[in-house]
Amino acid sequence: MDIGKEYLKVIQARFADVKNLGDKTITQLSEQDVHWKLNEASNSIAIIVKHMSGNMISRWSDFLTSDGEKPFRNRDQEFEDDISSKQEMITLWEKGWNIFFDTLSGLESSDLLKNITIRGEQHTVLEAIERQMAHYASHVGQMVYIGKQLKDEDWQTLSIAKGKSEAYLQEKLKEHRS
């Protein structure tokens, strides 16, 4: 078994799970919801998406050959909510994820220990992937939390519903027995 190949397969599935949580959150929100923020120190979902997309485009374009902090990136501008519509936000979301997944799917196990740079700092490819997993999962978690607060009782759970853990467990056990 090639552990690097297995790792790349597993990590692509985990990132797909993270994206799926974001997709399912965005689907439940209105135009107004995506721009809501608690206070000036907080970010709206639109801002979080804009930041994630900017990060993905910068980090994962020419991933193995150029610094992950590209000259074209304006990180500070990512935190300005100038997104005109939910559809524009979704377009940014998809653009970032597409660049990310295209690059990730093109990696070979032999790439995992190669060095890349982010802001001049050396990282192995493996380390860069793990760094982004933590980054993207934390931001999608913020999106889910904001969505749950906004939708309140209209929120459609993205995991096991409260009070349904035992039924879910039994269903999974039954499924794996067959």
N, C-alpha and C. Protein backbone atom coordinates (compact mmCIF):
# COMPACT_ATOMS: atom_id res chain seq x y z
N MET A 1 0.85 -1.19 0.00
CA MET A 1 0.00 0.00 0.00
C MET A 1 0.89 1.24 0.00
N ASP A 2 0.55 2.19 -0.84
CA ASP A 2 1.25 3.47 -0.91
C ASP A 2 0.54 4.43 0.05
N ILE A 3 1.19 4.70 1.18
CA ILE A 3 0.55 5.53 2.22
C ILE A 3 0.28 6.95 1.72
N GLY A 4 1.15 7.48 0.88
CA GLY A 4 0.95 8.82 0.35
C GLY A 4 -0.28 8.90 -0.53
N LYS A 5 -0.45 7.89 -1.35
CA LYS A 5 -1.62 7.83 -2.23
C LYS A 5 -2.91 7.71 -1.40
N GLU A 6 -2.85 6.89 -0.38
CA GLU A 6 -4.00 6.71 0.52
C GLU A 6 -4.31 8.02 1.25
N TYR A 7 -3.26 8.70 1.73
CA TYR A 7 -3.45 9.98 2.41
C TYR A 7 -4.15 10.98 1.48
N LEU A 8 -3.68 11.10 0.25
CA LEU A 8 -4.27 12.05 -0.70
C LEU A 8 -5.73 11.71 -0.97
N LYS A 9 -6.05 10.43 -1.04
CA LYS A 9 -7.44 10.02 -1.24
C LYS A 9 -8.30 10.41 -0.03
N VAL A 10 -7.80 10.14 1.16
CA VAL A 10 -8.54 10.44 2.39
C VAL A 10 -8.71 11.94 2.57
N ILE A 11 -7.65 12.71 2.35
CA ILE A 11 -7.71 14.15 2.59
C ILE A 11 -8.64 14.83 1.58
N GLN A 12 -8.67 14.33 0.35
CA GLN A 12 -9.62 14.88 -0.63
C GLN A 12 -11.06 14.63 -0.17
N ALA A 13 -11.32 13.47 0.37
CA ALA A 13 -12.67 13.17 0.87
C ALA A 13 -13.01 14.05 2.07
N ARG A 14 -12.04 14.28 2.97
CA ARG A 14 -12.29 15.13 4.14
C ARG A 14 -12.56 16.58 3.71
N PHE A 15 -11.79 17.10 2.75
CA PHE A 15 -12.04 18.46 2.27
C PHE A 15 -13.40 18.53 1.58
N ALA A 16 -13.77 17.48 0.86
CA ALA A 16 -15.10 17.46 0.22
C ALA A 16 -16.19 17.51 1.29
N ASP A 17 -15.98 16.83 2.41
CA ASP A 17 -16.94 16.89 3.52
C ASP A 17 -17.05 18.30 4.08
N VAL A 18 -15.92 18.98 4.24
CA VAL A 18 -15.91 20.35 4.74
C VAL A 18 -16.67 21.26 3.78
N LYS A 19 -16.38 21.14 2.49
CA LYS A 19 -17.07 21.96 1.49
C LYS A 19 -18.57 21.68 1.52
N ASN A 20 -18.94 20.42 1.64
CA ASN A 20 -20.34 20.02 1.68
C ASN A 20 -21.09 20.69 2.84
N LEU A 21 -20.45 20.79 4.00
CA LEU A 21 -21.08 21.49 5.13
C LEU A 21 -21.33 22.95 4.77
N GLY A 22 -20.35 23.57 4.13
CA GLY A 22 -20.53 24.95 3.70
C GLY A 22 -21.63 25.08 2.67
N ASP A 23 -21.65 24.16 1.69
CA ASP A 23 -22.70 24.18 0.66
C ASP A 23 -24.08 24.08 1.27
N LYS A 24 -24.23 23.14 2.20
CA LYS A 24 -25.54 22.92 2.83
C LYS A 24 -25.95 24.09 3.71
N THR A 25 -24.98 24.80 4.25
CA THR A 25 -25.29 26.00 5.03
C THR A 25 -25.74 27.11 4.10
N ILE A 26 -24.97 27.37 3.06
CA ILE A 26 -25.29 28.44 2.11
C ILE A 26 -26.68 28.25 1.51
N THR A 27 -27.02 27.01 1.19
CA THR A 27 -28.32 26.70 0.59
C THR A 27 -29.48 27.17 1.46
N GLN A 28 -29.31 27.11 2.78
CA GLN A 28 -30.39 27.45 3.70
C GLN A 28 -30.54 28.96 3.93
N LEU A 29 -29.62 29.76 3.41
CA LEU A 29 -29.59 31.18 3.75
C LEU A 29 -30.14 32.07 2.65
N SER A 30 -30.68 33.20 3.07
CA SER A 30 -31.21 34.20 2.15
C SER A 30 -30.11 35.17 1.74
N GLU A 31 -30.45 36.05 0.81
CA GLU A 31 -29.54 37.13 0.39
C GLU A 31 -29.10 37.95 1.60
N GLN A 32 -30.05 38.29 2.46
CA GLN A 32 -29.75 39.11 3.64
C GLN A 32 -28.90 38.31 4.65
N ASP A 33 -29.21 37.04 4.81
CA ASP A 33 -28.50 36.21 5.78
C ASP A 33 -27.01 36.17 5.52
N VAL A 34 -26.61 36.07 4.25
CA VAL A 34 -25.18 35.91 3.96
C VAL A 34 -24.38 37.17 4.28
N HIS A 35 -25.05 38.29 4.45
CA HIS A 35 -24.36 39.54 4.77
C HIS A 35 -24.48 39.92 6.25
N TRP A 36 -25.23 39.13 7.03
CA TRP A 36 -25.43 39.44 8.44
C TRP A 36 -24.14 39.23 9.23
N LYS A 37 -23.88 40.15 10.16
CA LYS A 37 -22.78 39.95 11.12
C LYS A 37 -23.20 40.53 12.45
N LEU A 38 -22.73 39.91 13.51
CA LEU A 38 -23.11 40.29 14.86
C LEU A 38 -22.68 41.72 15.20
N ASN A 39 -21.45 42.06 14.85
CA ASN A 39 -20.91 43.38 15.17
C ASN A 39 -19.75 43.67 14.22
N GLU A 40 -19.12 44.82 14.41
CA GLU A 40 -18.03 45.24 13.51
C GLU A 40 -16.81 44.34 13.59
N ALA A 41 -16.61 43.67 14.70
CA ALA A 41 -15.47 42.77 14.86
C ALA A 41 -15.71 41.41 14.22
N SER A 42 -16.95 41.15 13.81
CA SER A 42 -17.33 39.86 13.24
C SER A 42 -17.31 39.90 11.71
N ASN A 43 -17.30 38.73 11.13
CA ASN A 43 -17.38 38.60 9.68
C ASN A 43 -18.70 37.96 9.28
N SER A 44 -19.26 38.43 8.18
CA SER A 44 -20.45 37.78 7.62
C SER A 44 -20.01 36.53 6.87
N ILE A 45 -20.97 35.70 6.52
CA ILE A 45 -20.66 34.53 5.71
C ILE A 45 -20.09 34.96 4.37
N ALA A 46 -20.60 36.04 3.80
CA ALA A 46 -20.06 36.55 2.53
C ALA A 46 -18.58 36.89 2.66
N ILE A 47 -18.20 37.52 3.75
CA ILE A 47 -16.79 37.87 3.97
C ILE A 47 -15.95 36.61 4.18
N ILE A 48 -16.46 35.67 4.95
CA ILE A 48 -15.73 34.42 5.17
C ILE A 48 -15.49 33.72 3.84
N VAL A 49 -16.52 33.64 3.00
CA VAL A 49 -16.39 33.01 1.69
C VAL A 49 -15.37 33.75 0.83
N LYS A 50 -15.45 35.07 0.82
CA LYS A 50 -14.52 35.87 0.02
C LYS A 50 -13.08 35.63 0.48
N HIS A 51 -12.87 35.59 1.78
CA HIS A 51 -11.53 35.33 2.34
C HIS A 51 -11.06 33.92 1.97
N MET A 52 -11.91 32.92 2.16
CA MET A 52 -11.51 31.55 1.83
C MET A 52 -11.16 31.43 0.35
N SER A 53 -11.97 32.01 -0.51
CA SER A 53 -11.72 31.94 -1.94
C SER A 53 -10.39 32.62 -2.27
N GLY A 54 -10.16 33.80 -1.71
CA GLY A 54 -8.89 34.49 -1.95
C GLY A 54 -7.70 33.68 -1.50
N ASN A 55 -7.85 33.04 -0.34
CA ASN A 55 -6.79 32.18 0.18
C ASN A 55 -6.55 31.00 -0.75
N MET A 56 -7.62 30.33 -1.17
CA MET A 56 -7.48 29.15 -2.03
C MET A 56 -6.84 29.50 -3.37
N ILE A 57 -7.29 30.58 -3.96
CA ILE A 57 -6.75 30.98 -5.26
C ILE A 57 -5.26 31.30 -5.12
N SER A 58 -4.89 32.01 -4.07
CA SER A 58 -3.49 32.37 -3.86
C SER A 58 -2.64 31.15 -3.51
N ARG A 59 -3.08 30.37 -2.56
CA ARG A 59 -2.28 29.24 -2.08
C ARG A 59 -2.12 28.13 -3.12
N TRP A 60 -3.19 27.85 -3.87
CA TRP A 60 -3.21 26.63 -4.67
C TRP A 60 -2.96 26.85 -6.16
N SER A 61 -2.82 28.10 -6.59
CA SER A 61 -2.41 28.39 -7.97
C SER A 61 -0.89 28.25 -8.02
N ASP A 62 -0.37 27.53 -9.01
CA ASP A 62 1.09 27.29 -9.12
C ASP A 62 1.65 26.82 -7.78
N PHE A 63 0.94 25.91 -7.16
CA PHE A 63 1.21 25.46 -5.79
C PHE A 63 2.64 25.01 -5.55
N LEU A 64 3.16 24.18 -6.43
CA LEU A 64 4.50 23.62 -6.21
C LEU A 64 5.63 24.54 -6.64
N THR A 65 5.30 25.61 -7.38
CA THR A 65 6.36 26.39 -8.00
C THR A 65 6.46 27.84 -7.57
N SER A 66 5.46 28.39 -6.88
CA SER A 66 5.56 29.79 -6.45
C SER A 66 5.03 29.94 -5.03
N ASP A 67 5.44 31.04 -4.39
CA ASP A 67 5.01 31.29 -3.02
C ASP A 67 3.48 31.32 -2.95
N GLY A 68 2.94 30.76 -1.89
CA GLY A 68 1.49 30.70 -1.71
C GLY A 68 0.82 32.04 -1.47
N GLU A 69 1.59 33.04 -1.13
CA GLU A 69 1.04 34.39 -0.97
C GLU A 69 1.38 35.15 -2.25
N LYS A 70 0.46 35.10 -3.21
CA LYS A 70 0.69 35.67 -4.54
C LYS A 70 0.65 37.20 -4.51
N PRO A 71 1.42 37.84 -5.39
CA PRO A 71 1.42 39.31 -5.46
C PRO A 71 0.03 39.88 -5.78
N PHE A 72 -0.81 39.13 -6.50
CA PHE A 72 -2.14 39.64 -6.87
C PHE A 72 -3.13 39.61 -5.71
N ARG A 73 -2.80 38.92 -4.64
CA ARG A 73 -3.75 38.81 -3.52
C ARG A 73 -3.75 40.07 -2.68
N ASN A 74 -4.94 40.55 -2.36
CA ASN A 74 -5.10 41.67 -1.43
C ASN A 74 -5.92 41.14 -0.25
N ARG A 75 -5.25 40.54 0.71
CA ARG A 75 -5.92 39.88 1.83
C ARG A 75 -6.82 40.83 2.61
N ASP A 76 -6.35 42.06 2.85
CA ASP A 76 -7.16 43.01 3.62
C ASP A 76 -8.49 43.29 2.92
N GLN A 77 -8.48 43.35 1.60
CA GLN A 77 -9.70 43.63 0.83
C GLN A 77 -10.70 42.47 0.93
N GLU A 78 -10.21 41.27 1.24
CA GLU A 78 -11.10 40.11 1.40
C GLU A 78 -12.07 40.31 2.56
N PHE A 79 -11.76 41.21 3.47
CA PHE A 79 -12.59 41.42 4.65
C PHE A 79 -13.53 42.61 4.50
N GLU A 80 -13.70 43.06 3.27
CA GLU A 80 -14.68 44.10 2.95
C GLU A 80 -15.86 43.42 2.26
N ASP A 81 -17.05 43.66 2.75
CA ASP A 81 -18.23 43.01 2.17
C ASP A 81 -18.76 43.85 1.01
N ASP A 82 -18.19 43.59 -0.16
CA ASP A 82 -18.63 44.27 -1.37
C ASP A 82 -19.24 43.28 -2.36
N ILE A 83 -19.67 42.15 -1.85
CA ILE A 83 -20.31 41.14 -2.68
C ILE A 83 -21.76 41.56 -2.90
N SER A 84 -22.15 41.63 -4.15
CA SER A 84 -23.47 42.21 -4.48
C SER A 84 -24.63 41.23 -4.33
N SER A 85 -24.36 39.93 -4.37
CA SER A 85 -25.47 38.96 -4.30
C SER A 85 -24.99 37.62 -3.76
N LYS A 86 -25.93 36.83 -3.34
CA LYS A 86 -25.64 35.48 -2.89
C LYS A 86 -25.02 34.68 -4.04
N GLN A 87 -25.53 34.88 -5.26
CA GLN A 87 -24.99 34.16 -6.41
C GLN A 87 -23.53 34.52 -6.67
N GLU A 88 -23.19 35.81 -6.54
CA GLU A 88 -21.79 36.22 -6.71
C GLU A 88 -20.92 35.54 -5.65
N MET A 89 -21.43 35.45 -4.42
CA MET A 89 -20.71 34.79 -3.34
C MET A 89 -20.49 33.31 -3.68
N ILE A 90 -21.53 32.65 -4.19
CA ILE A 90 -21.42 31.23 -4.54
C ILE A 90 -20.40 31.04 -5.67
N THR A 91 -20.37 31.96 -6.62
CA THR A 91 -19.40 31.89 -7.71
C THR A 91 -17.97 31.97 -7.15
N LEU A 92 -17.73 32.88 -6.20
CA LEU A 92 -16.42 32.98 -5.56
C LEU A 92 -16.07 31.70 -4.80
N TRP A 93 -17.04 31.19 -4.06
CA TRP A 93 -16.90 29.95 -3.29
C TRP A 93 -16.46 28.81 -4.21
N GLU A 94 -17.18 28.63 -5.30
CA GLU A 94 -16.88 27.54 -6.24
C GLU A 94 -15.53 27.74 -6.92
N LYS A 95 -15.20 28.97 -7.28
CA LYS A 95 -13.91 29.24 -7.94
C LYS A 95 -12.75 28.82 -7.04
N GLY A 96 -12.80 29.22 -5.78
CA GLY A 96 -11.74 28.85 -4.84
C GLY A 96 -11.63 27.35 -4.67
N TRP A 97 -12.76 26.70 -4.42
CA TRP A 97 -12.75 25.25 -4.22
C TRP A 97 -12.30 24.51 -5.48
N ASN A 98 -12.71 24.98 -6.66
CA ASN A 98 -12.29 24.32 -7.89
C ASN A 98 -10.78 24.37 -8.08
N ILE A 99 -10.18 25.52 -7.85
CA ILE A 99 -8.72 25.64 -7.96
C ILE A 99 -8.06 24.72 -6.93
N PHE A 100 -8.58 24.75 -5.72
CA PHE A 100 -8.02 23.91 -4.66
C PHE A 100 -8.10 22.42 -5.03
N PHE A 101 -9.30 21.94 -5.39
CA PHE A 101 -9.45 20.51 -5.69
C PHE A 101 -8.69 20.10 -6.94
N ASP A 102 -8.60 20.96 -7.94
CA ASP A 102 -7.82 20.64 -9.13
C ASP A 102 -6.35 20.43 -8.77
N THR A 103 -5.83 21.31 -7.94
CA THR A 103 -4.43 21.18 -7.53
C THR A 103 -4.24 19.94 -6.66
N LEU A 104 -5.11 19.76 -5.68
CA LEU A 104 -4.99 18.62 -4.77
C LEU A 104 -5.07 17.30 -5.53
N SER A 105 -5.99 17.21 -6.48
CA SER A 105 -6.15 15.95 -7.23
C SER A 105 -4.97 15.68 -8.16
N GLY A 106 -4.20 16.73 -8.48
CA GLY A 106 -3.03 16.55 -9.34
C GLY A 106 -1.76 16.17 -8.59
N LEU A 107 -1.83 16.16 -7.26
CA LEU A 107 -0.64 15.81 -6.48
C LEU A 107 -0.41 14.31 -6.48
N GLU A 108 0.86 13.93 -6.41
CA GLU A 108 1.27 12.53 -6.29
C GLU A 108 1.85 12.32 -4.90
N SER A 109 1.90 11.08 -4.47
CA SER A 109 2.46 10.80 -3.14
C SER A 109 3.91 11.31 -3.05
N SER A 110 4.63 11.30 -4.16
CA SER A 110 6.01 11.78 -4.15
C SER A 110 6.09 13.29 -3.92
N ASP A 111 4.99 14.02 -4.06
CA ASP A 111 4.98 15.47 -3.82
C ASP A 111 4.86 15.83 -2.34
N LEU A 112 4.39 14.91 -1.53
CA LEU A 112 4.03 15.23 -0.15
C LEU A 112 5.18 15.76 0.69
N LEU A 113 6.40 15.33 0.42
CA LEU A 113 7.54 15.79 1.20
C LEU A 113 8.34 16.88 0.51
N LYS A 114 7.86 17.33 -0.64
CA LYS A 114 8.50 18.47 -1.31
C LYS A 114 8.26 19.72 -0.48
N ASN A 115 9.14 20.69 -0.63
CA ASN A 115 8.99 21.96 0.07
C ASN A 115 8.32 22.99 -0.82
N ILE A 116 7.40 23.73 -0.22
CA ILE A 116 6.78 24.89 -0.86
C ILE A 116 6.95 26.05 0.11
N THR A 117 6.64 27.26 -0.36
CA THR A 117 6.74 28.41 0.54
C THR A 117 5.39 29.12 0.64
N ILE A 118 5.14 29.64 1.81
CA ILE A 118 3.99 30.50 2.08
C ILE A 118 4.55 31.70 2.84
N ARG A 119 4.45 32.87 2.21
CA ARG A 119 5.03 34.11 2.77
C ARG A 119 6.51 33.93 3.08
N GLY A 120 7.21 33.20 2.21
CA GLY A 120 8.64 32.99 2.35
C GLY A 120 9.03 31.87 3.31
N GLU A 121 8.07 31.32 4.04
CA GLU A 121 8.34 30.26 5.01
C GLU A 121 8.20 28.90 4.35
N GLN A 122 9.18 28.03 4.57
CA GLN A 122 9.16 26.68 4.00
C GLN A 122 8.16 25.78 4.73
N HIS A 123 7.44 25.01 3.95
CA HIS A 123 6.51 23.98 4.47
C HIS A 123 6.62 22.78 3.55
N THR A 124 6.45 21.59 4.10
CA THR A 124 6.28 20.45 3.21
C THR A 124 4.87 20.55 2.64
N VAL A 125 4.64 19.90 1.52
CA VAL A 125 3.30 19.87 0.93
C VAL A 125 2.32 19.28 1.95
N LEU A 126 2.73 18.23 2.62
CA LEU A 126 1.90 17.59 3.64
C LEU A 126 1.51 18.61 4.72
N GLU A 127 2.47 19.37 5.18
CA GLU A 127 2.21 20.39 6.20
C GLU A 127 1.27 21.47 5.68
N ALA A 128 1.45 21.89 4.44
CA ALA A 128 0.58 22.92 3.83
C ALA A 128 -0.85 22.41 3.72
N ILE A 129 -1.02 21.16 3.35
CA ILE A 129 -2.37 20.58 3.25
C ILE A 129 -3.04 20.59 4.63
N GLU A 130 -2.32 20.13 5.63
CA GLU A 130 -2.88 20.07 6.98
C GLU A 130 -3.17 21.47 7.53
N ARG A 131 -2.31 22.42 7.21
CA ARG A 131 -2.53 23.80 7.62
C ARG A 131 -3.84 24.33 7.04
N GLN A 132 -4.09 24.01 5.78
CA GLN A 132 -5.31 24.49 5.13
C GLN A 132 -6.54 23.74 5.63
N MET A 133 -6.39 22.48 5.98
CA MET A 133 -7.53 21.75 6.55
C MET A 133 -8.02 22.46 7.81
N ALA A 134 -7.10 22.80 8.69
CA ALA A 134 -7.48 23.49 9.93
C ALA A 134 -8.11 24.84 9.61
N HIS A 135 -7.53 25.56 8.66
CA HIS A 135 -8.02 26.89 8.29
C HIS A 135 -9.43 26.81 7.69
N TYR A 136 -9.61 25.97 6.70
CA TYR A 136 -10.89 25.90 6.01
C TYR A 136 -11.99 25.32 6.91
N ALA A 137 -11.65 24.30 7.68
CA ALA A 137 -12.66 23.71 8.58
C ALA A 137 -13.10 24.71 9.63
N SER A 138 -12.18 25.52 10.14
CA SER A 138 -12.58 26.50 11.16
C SER A 138 -13.51 27.54 10.56
N HIS A 139 -13.23 28.00 9.34
CA HIS A 139 -14.11 28.99 8.72
C HIS A 139 -15.47 28.40 8.35
N VAL A 140 -15.50 27.18 7.87
CA VAL A 140 -16.80 26.57 7.57
C VAL A 140 -17.57 26.35 8.86
N GLY A 141 -16.89 26.02 9.93
CA GLY A 141 -17.56 25.92 11.24
C GLY A 141 -18.19 27.25 11.64
N GLN A 142 -17.50 28.35 11.37
CA GLN A 142 -18.08 29.67 11.64
C GLN A 142 -19.34 29.88 10.81
N MET A 143 -19.28 29.49 9.55
CA MET A 143 -20.43 29.65 8.66
C MET A 143 -21.63 28.85 9.18
N VAL A 144 -21.38 27.61 9.59
CA VAL A 144 -22.45 26.76 10.12
C VAL A 144 -23.04 27.39 11.37
N TYR A 145 -22.19 27.87 12.25
CA TYR A 145 -22.66 28.48 13.50
C TYR A 145 -23.53 29.71 13.22
N ILE A 146 -23.08 30.57 12.31
CA ILE A 146 -23.86 31.76 11.95
C ILE A 146 -25.20 31.32 11.35
N GLY A 147 -25.16 30.36 10.46
CA GLY A 147 -26.39 29.87 9.83
C GLY A 147 -27.38 29.33 10.85
N LYS A 148 -26.89 28.56 11.80
CA LYS A 148 -27.77 28.00 12.84
C LYS A 148 -28.41 29.11 13.66
N GLN A 149 -27.64 30.14 13.97
CA GLN A 149 -28.17 31.25 14.76
C GLN A 149 -29.26 32.00 13.98
N LEU A 150 -29.00 32.23 12.71
CA LEU A 150 -29.96 32.97 11.88
C LEU A 150 -31.23 32.19 11.61
N LYS A 151 -31.12 30.92 11.32
CA LYS A 151 -32.28 30.12 10.93
C LYS A 151 -33.06 29.60 12.13
N ASP A 152 -32.42 29.53 13.29
CA ASP A 152 -33.06 29.11 14.53
C ASP A 152 -33.82 27.80 14.32
N GLU A 153 -35.11 27.80 14.54
CA GLU A 153 -35.88 26.55 14.44
C GLU A 153 -36.08 26.08 13.00
N ASP A 154 -35.80 26.94 12.03
CA ASP A 154 -35.91 26.55 10.62
C ASP A 154 -34.62 25.89 10.10
N TRP A 155 -33.59 25.84 10.94
CA TRP A 155 -32.33 25.24 10.55
C TRP A 155 -32.50 23.75 10.29
N GLN A 156 -32.01 23.30 9.15
CA GLN A 156 -32.02 21.87 8.83
C GLN A 156 -30.65 21.33 9.21
N THR A 157 -30.63 20.44 10.18
CA THR A 157 -29.38 19.94 10.72
C THR A 157 -28.51 19.31 9.63
N LEU A 158 -27.20 19.46 9.79
CA LEU A 158 -26.24 18.93 8.82
C LEU A 158 -25.62 17.63 9.30
N SER A 159 -26.00 17.22 10.48
CA SER A 159 -25.46 15.98 11.03
C SER A 159 -26.59 15.21 11.71
N ILE A 160 -26.30 14.55 12.79
CA ILE A 160 -27.30 13.78 13.51
C ILE A 160 -28.16 14.74 14.33
N ALA A 161 -29.47 14.68 14.12
CA ALA A 161 -30.40 15.57 14.84
C ALA A 161 -30.39 15.26 16.33
N LYS A 162 -30.63 16.29 17.13
CA LYS A 162 -30.71 16.10 18.58
C LYS A 162 -31.76 15.05 18.91
N GLY A 163 -31.38 14.17 19.82
CA GLY A 163 -32.30 13.13 20.25
C GLY A 163 -32.37 11.94 19.30
N LYS A 164 -31.59 11.95 18.25
CA LYS A 164 -31.65 10.88 17.25
C LYS A 164 -30.36 10.06 17.17
N SER A 165 -29.47 10.23 18.13
CA SER A 165 -28.16 9.55 18.09
C SER A 165 -28.29 8.03 18.11
N GLU A 166 -29.12 7.52 18.98
CA GLU A 166 -29.25 6.05 19.09
C GLU A 166 -29.85 5.46 17.82
N ALA A 167 -30.87 6.09 17.27
CA ALA A 167 -31.48 5.61 16.02
C ALA A 167 -30.46 5.65 14.89
N TYR A 168 -29.66 6.70 14.84
CA TYR A 168 -28.64 6.81 13.80
C TYR A 168 -27.59 5.70 13.96
N LEU A 169 -27.16 5.47 15.20
CA LEU A 169 -26.19 4.41 15.47
C LEU A 169 -26.73 3.06 15.02
N GLN A 170 -27.97 2.75 15.38
CA GLN A 170 -28.55 1.46 15.03
C GLN A 170 -28.67 1.31 13.51
N GLU A 171 -29.03 2.39 12.85
CA GLU A 171 -29.15 2.36 11.37
C GLU A 171 -27.78 2.07 10.74
N LYS A 172 -26.73 2.71 11.27
CA LYS A 172 -25.38 2.50 10.74
C LYS A 172 -24.90 1.08 11.00
N LEU A 173 -25.17 0.57 12.20
CA LEU A 173 -24.77 -0.80 12.50
C LEU A 173 -25.47 -1.80 11.60
N LYS A 174 -26.74 -1.59 11.38
CA LYS A 174 -27.54 -2.45 10.49
C LYS A 174 -26.97 -2.39 9.06
N GLU A 175 -26.67 -1.18 8.62
CA GLU A 175 -26.13 -0.96 7.28
C GLU A 175 -24.80 -1.70 7.09
N HIS A 176 -23.94 -1.67 8.11
CA HIS A 176 -22.63 -2.31 7.99
C HIS A 176 -22.68 -3.82 8.17
N ARG A 177 -23.75 -4.32 8.76
CA ARG A 177 -23.92 -5.78 8.89
C ARG A 177 -24.35 -6.40 7.57
N SER A 178 -25.08 -5.62 6.75
CA SER A 178 -25.59 -6.20 5.50
C SER A 178 -24.59 -6.16 4.38
